[in-house]
């Protein structure tokens, strides 16, 4: 009953209030979205200077770190993971290929598929760009504790499920 009264005061539909847990209230969900957006912005900002020293943009950095973590992804896989158009991805990949941070090979089974790998030079740059992110995430994980980290990982897994309903 309290949830229903609270929902009405907040202007929320009462039909959802009975099943709404405290952490699922509208203000909590909006606050979580804002915090997630701010955390992402802060993490990106930390590696800006390092990537700019090497003449690459944020999109290049995302591609490099993804390929360093998952060598051999196809161009289509990278496109889906980063949610970018093929044209946009090709534009960014061209610079990475020109600077020899990434190589592109033909798949051994399906010759239509192009596999992407970071070079040693590309891995070094990916590591340089990722280092401040790793330090921040590690410090935050230590401060929050194991149980919070596990819960955070579960939330991220639910948010990033490909094609599954949440």
C-alpha atoms as a PDB file:
ATOM      1  CA  UNK A   1       0.000   0.000   0.000  1.00  0.00           C
ATOM      2  CA  UNK A   2       2.839   2.390   0.826  1.00  0.00           C
ATOM      3  CA  UNK A   3       4.366   1.791  -2.615  1.00  0.00           C
ATOM      4  CA  UNK A   4       1.070   2.686  -4.265  1.00  0.00           C
ATOM      5  CA  UNK A   5       0.757   5.899  -2.233  1.00  0.00           C
ATOM      6  CA  UNK A   6       4.360   6.814  -2.968  1.00  0.00           C
ATOM      7  CA  UNK A   7       3.820   6.165  -6.668  1.00  0.00           C
ATOM      8  CA  UNK A   8       0.787   8.420  -6.756  1.00  0.00           C
ATOM      9  CA  UNK A   9       2.718  11.224  -5.000  1.00  0.00           C
ATOM     10  CA  UNK A  10       5.525  10.815  -7.547  1.00  0.00           C
ATOM     11  CA  UNK A  11       3.093  10.844 -10.453  1.00  0.00           C
ATOM     12  CA  UNK A  12       3.842   7.214 -11.328  1.00  0.00           C
ATOM     13  CA  UNK A  13       1.182   4.705 -12.384  1.00  0.00           C
ATOM     14  CA  UNK A  14      -0.120   2.906  -9.308  1.00  0.00           C
ATOM     15  CA  UNK A  15      -0.452  -0.387 -11.203  1.00  0.00           C
ATOM     16  CA  UNK A  16       3.344  -0.687 -11.348  1.00  0.00           C
ATOM     17  CA  UNK A  17       3.974   0.507  -7.823  1.00  0.00           C
ATOM     18  CA  UNK A  18       3.099  -2.716  -6.041  1.00  0.00           C
ATOM     19  CA  UNK A  19       5.763  -4.628  -7.938  1.00  0.00           C
ATOM     20  CA  UNK A  20       8.342  -1.838  -7.896  1.00  0.00           C
ATOM     21  CA  UNK A  21      11.269  -2.466  -5.597  1.00  0.00           C
ATOM     22  CA  UNK A  22      12.852   0.482  -3.842  1.00  0.00           C
ATOM     23  CA  UNK A  23      15.869   0.454  -6.181  1.00  0.00           C
ATOM     24  CA  UNK A  24      13.586   0.440  -9.244  1.00  0.00           C
ATOM     25  CA  UNK A  25      11.755   3.651  -8.485  1.00  0.00           C
ATOM     26  CA  UNK A  26      11.812   6.245 -11.229  1.00  0.00           C
ATOM     27  CA  UNK A  27      14.208   8.615  -9.488  1.00  0.00           C
ATOM     28  CA  UNK A  28      16.631   5.757  -8.772  1.00  0.00           C
ATOM     29  CA  UNK A  29      16.593   4.602 -12.392  1.00  0.00           C
ATOM     30  CA  UNK A  30      17.122   8.147 -13.678  1.00  0.00           C
ATOM     31  CA  UNK A  31      19.902   8.705 -11.149  1.00  0.00           C
ATOM     32  CA  UNK A  32      21.587   5.456 -12.241  1.00  0.00           C
ATOM     33  CA  UNK A  33      21.433   6.553 -15.881  1.00  0.00           C
ATOM     34  CA  UNK A  34      22.987   9.917 -15.018  1.00  0.00           C
ATOM     35  CA  UNK A  35      25.720   8.281 -12.950  1.00  0.00           C
ATOM     36  CA  UNK A  36      26.490   5.783 -15.714  1.00  0.00           C
ATOM     37  CA  UNK A  37      26.722   8.562 -18.294  1.00  0.00           C
ATOM     38  CA  UNK A  38      28.976  10.659 -16.055  1.00  0.00           C
ATOM     39  CA  UNK A  39      31.204   7.672 -15.216  1.00  0.00           C
ATOM     40  CA  UNK A  40      31.637   6.899 -18.921  1.00  0.00           C
ATOM     41  CA  UNK A  41      32.449  10.551 -19.654  1.00  0.00           C
ATOM     42  CA  UNK A  42      35.026  10.646 -16.848  1.00  0.00           C
ATOM     43  CA  UNK A  43      36.649   7.401 -17.985  1.00  0.00           C
ATOM     44  CA  UNK A  44      36.883   8.638 -21.574  1.00  0.00           C
ATOM     45  CA  UNK A  45      38.365  11.944 -20.433  1.00  0.00           C
ATOM     46  CA  UNK A  46      41.191  10.188 -18.585  1.00  0.00           C
ATOM     47  CA  UNK A  47      42.755   8.788 -21.729  1.00  0.00           C
ATOM     48  CA  UNK A  48      42.128  11.842 -23.960  1.00  0.00           C
ATOM     49  CA  UNK A  49      45.633  13.277 -23.610  1.00  0.00           C
ATOM     50  CA  UNK A  50      47.324   9.957 -24.305  1.00  0.00           C
ATOM     51  CA  UNK A  51      45.341   9.187 -27.455  1.00  0.00           C
ATOM     52  CA  UNK A  52      45.637  12.766 -28.760  1.00  0.00           C
ATOM     53  CA  UNK A  53      49.442  12.542 -28.428  1.00  0.00           C
ATOM     54  CA  UNK A  54      49.253   9.703 -30.963  1.00  0.00           C
ATOM     55  CA  UNK A  55      46.824  11.463 -33.307  1.00  0.00           C
ATOM     56  CA  UNK A  56      43.859   9.171 -32.846  1.00  0.00           C
ATOM     57  CA  UNK A  57      40.277   9.921 -31.879  1.00  0.00           C
ATOM     58  CA  UNK A  58      37.894   8.304 -29.410  1.00  0.00           C
ATOM     59  CA  UNK A  59      36.511   5.970 -32.072  1.00  0.00           C
ATOM     60  CA  UNK A  60      40.027   4.789 -32.951  1.00  0.00           C
ATOM     61  CA  UNK A  61      40.727   4.141 -29.283  1.00  0.00           C
ATOM     62  CA  UNK A  62      37.537   2.114 -28.882  1.00  0.00           C
ATOM     63  CA  UNK A  63      38.464  -0.008 -31.903  1.00  0.00           C
ATOM     64  CA  UNK A  64      42.036  -0.561 -30.706  1.00  0.00           C
ATOM     65  CA  UNK A  65      41.030  -1.571 -27.184  1.00  0.00           C
ATOM     66  CA  UNK A  66      38.289  -3.862 -28.505  1.00  0.00           C
ATOM     67  CA  UNK A  67      40.691  -5.588 -30.922  1.00  0.00           C
ATOM     68  CA  UNK A  68      43.418  -5.833 -28.267  1.00  0.00           C
ATOM     69  CA  UNK A  69      40.909  -7.627 -26.033  1.00  0.00           C
ATOM     70  CA  UNK A  70      39.358  -9.710 -28.823  1.00  0.00           C
ATOM     71  CA  UNK A  71      41.845 -10.327 -31.634  1.00  0.00           C
ATOM     72  CA  UNK A  72      40.471 -11.696 -34.869  1.00  0.00           C
ATOM     73  CA  UNK A  73      37.053 -10.085 -34.804  1.00  0.00           C
ATOM     74  CA  UNK A  74      35.529  -9.586 -38.220  1.00  0.00           C
ATOM     75  CA  UNK A  75      34.744  -6.115 -39.519  1.00  0.00           C
ATOM     76  CA  UNK A  76      31.044  -6.947 -39.035  1.00  0.00           C
ATOM     77  CA  UNK A  77      31.665  -8.056 -35.435  1.00  0.00           C
ATOM     78  CA  UNK A  78      33.410  -4.759 -34.638  1.00  0.00           C
ATOM     79  CA  UNK A  79      30.626  -2.836 -36.338  1.00  0.00           C
ATOM     80  CA  UNK A  80      27.972  -4.589 -34.205  1.00  0.00           C
ATOM     81  CA  UNK A  81      29.955  -4.325 -30.953  1.00  0.00           C
ATOM     82  CA  UNK A  82      30.563  -0.601 -31.369  1.00  0.00           C
ATOM     83  CA  UNK A  83      27.150   0.099 -32.923  1.00  0.00           C
ATOM     84  CA  UNK A  84      28.507   2.113 -35.825  1.00  0.00           C
ATOM     85  CA  UNK A  85      27.736   2.167 -39.533  1.00  0.00           C
ATOM     86  CA  UNK A  86      29.989   0.264 -41.900  1.00  0.00           C
ATOM     87  CA  UNK A  87      30.957   3.546 -43.570  1.00  0.00           C
ATOM     88  CA  UNK A  88      31.920   5.136 -40.242  1.00  0.00           C
ATOM     89  CA  UNK A  89      33.902   2.074 -39.147  1.00  0.00           C
ATOM     90  CA  UNK A  90      35.765   1.908 -42.468  1.00  0.00           C
ATOM     91  CA  UNK A  91      36.723   5.566 -42.161  1.00  0.00           C
ATOM     92  CA  UNK A  92      38.257   4.937 -38.711  1.00  0.00           C
ATOM     93  CA  UNK A  93      39.844   1.628 -39.705  1.00  0.00           C
ATOM     94  CA  UNK A  94      41.603   3.228 -42.676  1.00  0.00           C
ATOM     95  CA  UNK A  95      43.633   5.481 -40.365  1.00  0.00           C
ATOM     96  CA  UNK A  96      44.478   2.580 -38.056  1.00  0.00           C
ATOM     97  CA  UNK A  97      45.564   0.491 -41.047  1.00  0.00           C
ATOM     98  CA  UNK A  98      47.625   3.362 -42.501  1.00  0.00           C
ATOM     99  CA  UNK A  99      49.409   3.945 -39.200  1.00  0.00           C
ATOM    100  CA  UNK A 100      49.975   0.191 -38.919  1.00  0.00           C
ATOM    101  CA  UNK A 101      48.119  -0.167 -35.633  1.00  0.00           C
ATOM    102  CA  UNK A 102      45.800  -2.791 -37.148  1.00  0.00           C
ATOM    103  CA  UNK A 103      46.099  -5.487 -39.800  1.00  0.00           C
ATOM    104  CA  UNK A 104      43.334  -7.018 -41.853  1.00  0.00           C
ATOM    105  CA  UNK A 105      43.481 -10.625 -43.067  1.00  0.00           C
ATOM    106  CA  UNK A 106      41.172 -12.875 -45.036  1.00  0.00           C
ATOM    107  CA  UNK A 107      39.338 -15.498 -42.974  1.00  0.00           C
ATOM    108  CA  UNK A 108      40.658 -19.020 -43.470  1.00  0.00           C
ATOM    109  CA  UNK A 109      37.190 -20.523 -43.941  1.00  0.00           C
ATOM    110  CA  UNK A 110      35.120 -17.755 -45.532  1.00  0.00           C
ATOM    111  CA  UNK A 111      37.161 -15.579 -47.863  1.00  0.00           C
ATOM    112  CA  UNK A 112      34.478 -12.862 -47.790  1.00  0.00           C
ATOM    113  CA  UNK A 113      35.187 -12.225 -44.100  1.00  0.00           C
ATOM    114  CA  UNK A 114      37.984  -9.865 -43.073  1.00  0.00           C
ATOM    115  CA  UNK A 115      39.609 -10.466 -39.672  1.00  0.00           C
ATOM    116  CA  UNK A 116      41.150  -7.593 -37.720  1.00  0.00           C
ATOM    117  CA  UNK A 117      44.165  -7.798 -35.422  1.00  0.00           C
ATOM    118  CA  UNK A 118      46.179  -5.178 -33.581  1.00  0.00           C
ATOM    119  CA  UNK A 119      49.863  -5.081 -34.409  1.00  0.00           C
ATOM    120  CA  UNK A 120      52.503  -4.874 -31.677  1.00  0.00           C
ATOM    121  CA  UNK A 121      52.479  -1.115 -32.228  1.00  0.00           C
ATOM    122  CA  UNK A 122      48.666  -1.116 -31.960  1.00  0.00           C
ATOM    123  CA  UNK A 123      48.697  -3.198 -28.772  1.00  0.00           C
ATOM    124  CA  UNK A 124      51.202  -0.810 -27.225  1.00  0.00           C
ATOM    125  CA  UNK A 125      48.956   2.158 -28.023  1.00  0.00           C
ATOM    126  CA  UNK A 126      45.854   0.329 -26.799  1.00  0.00           C
ATOM    127  CA  UNK A 127      47.674  -0.404 -23.525  1.00  0.00           C
ATOM    128  CA  UNK A 128      48.800   3.226 -23.210  1.00  0.00           C
ATOM    129  CA  UNK A 129      45.220   4.449 -23.711  1.00  0.00           C
ATOM    130  CA  UNK A 130      43.721   1.790 -21.447  1.00  0.00           C
ATOM    131  CA  UNK A 131      46.123   2.256 -18.513  1.00  0.00           C
ATOM    132  CA  UNK A 132      44.333   5.233 -16.893  1.00  0.00           C
ATOM    133  CA  UNK A 133      41.013   3.444 -17.366  1.00  0.00           C
ATOM    134  CA  UNK A 134      42.384   0.295 -15.737  1.00  0.00           C
ATOM    135  CA  UNK A 135      43.725   2.295 -12.798  1.00  0.00           C
ATOM    136  CA  UNK A 136      40.396   4.074 -12.238  1.00  0.00           C
ATOM    137  CA  UNK A 137      38.314   0.917 -12.523  1.00  0.00           C
ATOM    138  CA  UNK A 138      40.659  -1.019 -10.237  1.00  0.00           C
ATOM    139  CA  UNK A 139      40.584   1.729  -7.601  1.00  0.00           C
ATOM    140  CA  UNK A 140      36.786   1.959  -7.786  1.00  0.00           C
ATOM    141  CA  UNK A 141      36.432  -1.839  -7.532  1.00  0.00           C
ATOM    142  CA  UNK A 142      38.698  -1.923  -4.468  1.00  0.00           C
ATOM    143  CA  UNK A 143      36.771   0.907  -2.821  1.00  0.00           C
ATOM    144  CA  UNK A 144      33.348  -0.614  -3.546  1.00  0.00           C
ATOM    145  CA  UNK A 145      34.228  -4.153  -2.477  1.00  0.00           C
ATOM    146  CA  UNK A 146      33.722  -7.587  -3.983  1.00  0.00           C
ATOM    147  CA  UNK A 147      29.964  -7.798  -3.452  1.00  0.00           C
ATOM    148  CA  UNK A 148      29.353  -4.432  -5.119  1.00  0.00           C
ATOM    149  CA  UNK A 149      31.623  -5.367  -8.030  1.00  0.00           C
ATOM    150  CA  UNK A 150      29.730  -8.620  -8.526  1.00  0.00           C
ATOM    151  CA  UNK A 151      26.415  -6.756  -8.505  1.00  0.00           C
ATOM    152  CA  UNK A 152      27.772  -4.157 -10.922  1.00  0.00           C
ATOM    153  CA  UNK A 153      28.974  -6.902 -13.278  1.00  0.00           C
ATOM    154  CA  UNK A 154      25.529  -8.515 -13.159  1.00  0.00           C
ATOM    155  CA  UNK A 155      23.826  -5.220 -14.023  1.00  0.00           C
ATOM    156  CA  UNK A 156      26.243  -4.638 -16.913  1.00  0.00           C
ATOM    157  CA  UNK A 157      25.632  -8.169 -18.193  1.00  0.00           C
ATOM    158  CA  UNK A 158      21.887  -7.538 -18.195  1.00  0.00           C
ATOM    159  CA  UNK A 159      22.321  -4.217 -20.005  1.00  0.00           C
ATOM    160  CA  UNK A 160      24.635  -5.610 -22.667  1.00  0.00           C
ATOM    161  CA  UNK A 161      22.864  -8.829 -23.614  1.00  0.00           C
ATOM    162  CA  UNK A 162      22.691  -8.920 -27.407  1.00  0.00           C
ATOM    163  CA  UNK A 163      19.122  -9.280 -28.636  1.00  0.00           C
ATOM    164  CA  UNK A 164      17.738 -10.564 -25.364  1.00  0.00           C
ATOM    165  CA  UNK A 165      14.896  -8.942 -23.524  1.00  0.00           C
ATOM    166  CA  UNK A 166      15.790  -7.439 -20.174  1.00  0.00           C
END
